[in-house]
Amino acid sequence: MDANALSLSVDQEFAVHAAAFAIKGMDREELEEAFIDMLHQKMMDRQLFFNILKEQGIDAEISFNYLTPKQLS
């Protein structure tokens, strides 16, 4: 597929290629760890966002459900 069909900027296209090269060199365990790290970072970013809202007087609530690997199966 042509990257231009997606209307990506040069920077975005470069980021996609860089990510693809990085992923290509990883084994399954490294991919799983990177995915979990990414999810954790997203969770922390969301929590920070909600904390900022609360500091500004905007009521927001967030809850997290943690599952064990057995619960995911």
C-alpha atoms as a PDB file:
ATOM      1  CA  MET A   1       0.000   0.000   0.000  1.00  0.00           C
ATOM      2  CA  ASP A   2       1.248   3.447  -0.867  1.00  0.00           C
ATOM      3  CA  ALA A   3       1.892   5.602   2.221  1.00  0.00           C
ATOM      4  CA  ASN A   4       0.505   8.621   0.388  1.00  0.00           C
ATOM      5  CA  ALA A   5      -2.893   6.912   0.292  1.00  0.00           C
ATOM      6  CA  LEU A   6      -2.996   7.399   4.073  1.00  0.00           C
ATOM      7  CA  SER A   7      -2.153  11.103   3.784  1.00  0.00           C
ATOM      8  CA  LEU A   8       0.774  10.777   6.211  1.00  0.00           C
ATOM      9  CA  SER A   9       3.291  13.552   6.650  1.00  0.00           C
ATOM     10  CA  VAL A  10       6.956  12.726   6.124  1.00  0.00           C
ATOM     11  CA  ASP A  11       7.489  12.715   9.906  1.00  0.00           C
ATOM     12  CA  GLN A  12       4.565  10.339  10.451  1.00  0.00           C
ATOM     13  CA  GLU A  13       5.724   8.026   7.698  1.00  0.00           C
ATOM     14  CA  PHE A  14       9.229   7.982   9.179  1.00  0.00           C
ATOM     15  CA  ALA A  15       7.802   7.166  12.634  1.00  0.00           C
ATOM     16  CA  VAL A  16       5.857   4.225  11.188  1.00  0.00           C
ATOM     17  CA  HIS A  17       8.955   2.851   9.454  1.00  0.00           C
ATOM     18  CA  ALA A  18      11.106   3.338  12.576  1.00  0.00           C
ATOM     19  CA  ALA A  19       8.547   1.507  14.710  1.00  0.00           C
ATOM     20  CA  ALA A  20       8.336  -1.317  12.173  1.00  0.00           C
ATOM     21  CA  PHE A  21      12.120  -1.766  12.190  1.00  0.00           C
ATOM     22  CA  ALA A  22      12.196  -1.744  15.998  1.00  0.00           C
ATOM     23  CA  ILE A  23       9.395  -4.312  16.239  1.00  0.00           C
ATOM     24  CA  LYS A  24      10.945  -6.520  13.571  1.00  0.00           C
ATOM     25  CA  GLY A  25      14.007  -7.043  15.761  1.00  0.00           C
ATOM     26  CA  MET A  26      12.063  -8.046  18.888  1.00  0.00           C
ATOM     27  CA  ASP A  27      11.079 -11.506  20.042  1.00  0.00           C
ATOM     28  CA  ARG A  28       7.659 -12.314  21.512  1.00  0.00           C
ATOM     29  CA  GLU A  29       8.738 -11.753  25.119  1.00  0.00           C
ATOM     30  CA  GLU A  30      10.201  -8.336  24.295  1.00  0.00           C
ATOM     31  CA  LEU A  31       7.035  -7.401  22.390  1.00  0.00           C
ATOM     32  CA  GLU A  32       4.843  -8.407  25.329  1.00  0.00           C
ATOM     33  CA  GLU A  33       6.991  -6.403  27.745  1.00  0.00           C
ATOM     34  CA  ALA A  34       6.958  -3.357  25.467  1.00  0.00           C
ATOM     35  CA  PHE A  35       3.181  -3.611  25.104  1.00  0.00           C
ATOM     36  CA  ILE A  36       2.693  -3.778  28.873  1.00  0.00           C
ATOM     37  CA  ASP A  37       5.054  -0.819  29.337  1.00  0.00           C
ATOM     38  CA  MET A  38       3.049   1.147  26.776  1.00  0.00           C
ATOM     39  CA  LEU A  39      -0.245   0.318  28.519  1.00  0.00           C
ATOM     40  CA  HIS A  40       1.229   1.327  31.865  1.00  0.00           C
ATOM     41  CA  GLN A  41       2.402   4.650  30.435  1.00  0.00           C
ATOM     42  CA  LYS A  42      -1.046   5.295  28.937  1.00  0.00           C
ATOM     43  CA  MET A  43      -2.621   4.544  32.318  1.00  0.00           C
ATOM     44  CA  MET A  44      -0.239   6.942  34.069  1.00  0.00           C
ATOM     45  CA  ASP A  45      -0.921   9.650  31.453  1.00  0.00           C
ATOM     46  CA  ARG A  46      -4.665   9.225  31.932  1.00  0.00           C
ATOM     47  CA  GLN A  47      -4.316   9.368  35.712  1.00  0.00           C
ATOM     48  CA  LEU A  48      -2.257  12.561  35.435  1.00  0.00           C
ATOM     49  CA  PHE A  49      -4.925  14.047  33.174  1.00  0.00           C
ATOM     50  CA  PHE A  50      -7.685  13.243  35.666  1.00  0.00           C
ATOM     51  CA  ASN A  51      -5.608  14.654  38.537  1.00  0.00           C
ATOM     52  CA  ILE A  52      -5.182  17.915  36.630  1.00  0.00           C
ATOM     53  CA  LEU A  53      -8.934  18.050  36.006  1.00  0.00           C
ATOM     54  CA  LYS A  54      -9.611  17.542  39.710  1.00  0.00           C
ATOM     55  CA  GLU A  55      -7.134  20.294  40.627  1.00  0.00           C
ATOM     56  CA  GLN A  56      -9.128  22.624  38.369  1.00  0.00           C
ATOM     57  CA  GLY A  57     -12.375  21.689  40.125  1.00  0.00           C
ATOM     58  CA  ILE A  58     -13.626  19.343  37.424  1.00  0.00           C
ATOM     59  CA  ASP A  59     -14.891  16.145  39.035  1.00  0.00           C
ATOM     60  CA  ALA A  60     -13.523  13.088  37.261  1.00  0.00           C
ATOM     61  CA  GLU A  61     -13.173   9.553  38.435  1.00  0.00           C
ATOM     62  CA  ILE A  62     -11.121   6.695  37.068  1.00  0.00           C
ATOM     63  CA  SER A  63     -10.910   3.105  38.152  1.00  0.00           C
ATOM     64  CA  PHE A  64      -8.573   0.359  37.054  1.00  0.00           C
ATOM     65  CA  ASN A  65      -9.189  -3.358  36.948  1.00  0.00           C
ATOM     66  CA  TYR A  66      -6.067  -5.449  37.189  1.00  0.00           C
ATOM     67  CA  LEU A  67      -6.164  -9.032  35.961  1.00  0.00           C
ATOM     68  CA  THR A  68      -3.749 -11.875  36.459  1.00  0.00           C
ATOM     69  CA  PRO A  69      -2.506 -13.789  33.410  1.00  0.00           C
ATOM     70  CA  LYS A  70      -4.835 -16.677  34.345  1.00  0.00           C
ATOM     71  CA  GLN A  71      -7.839 -14.352  34.339  1.00  0.00           C
ATOM     72  CA  LEU A  72      -6.971 -13.252  30.805  1.00  0.00           C
ATOM     73  CA  SER A  73      -7.069 -16.784  29.444  1.00  0.00           C
END
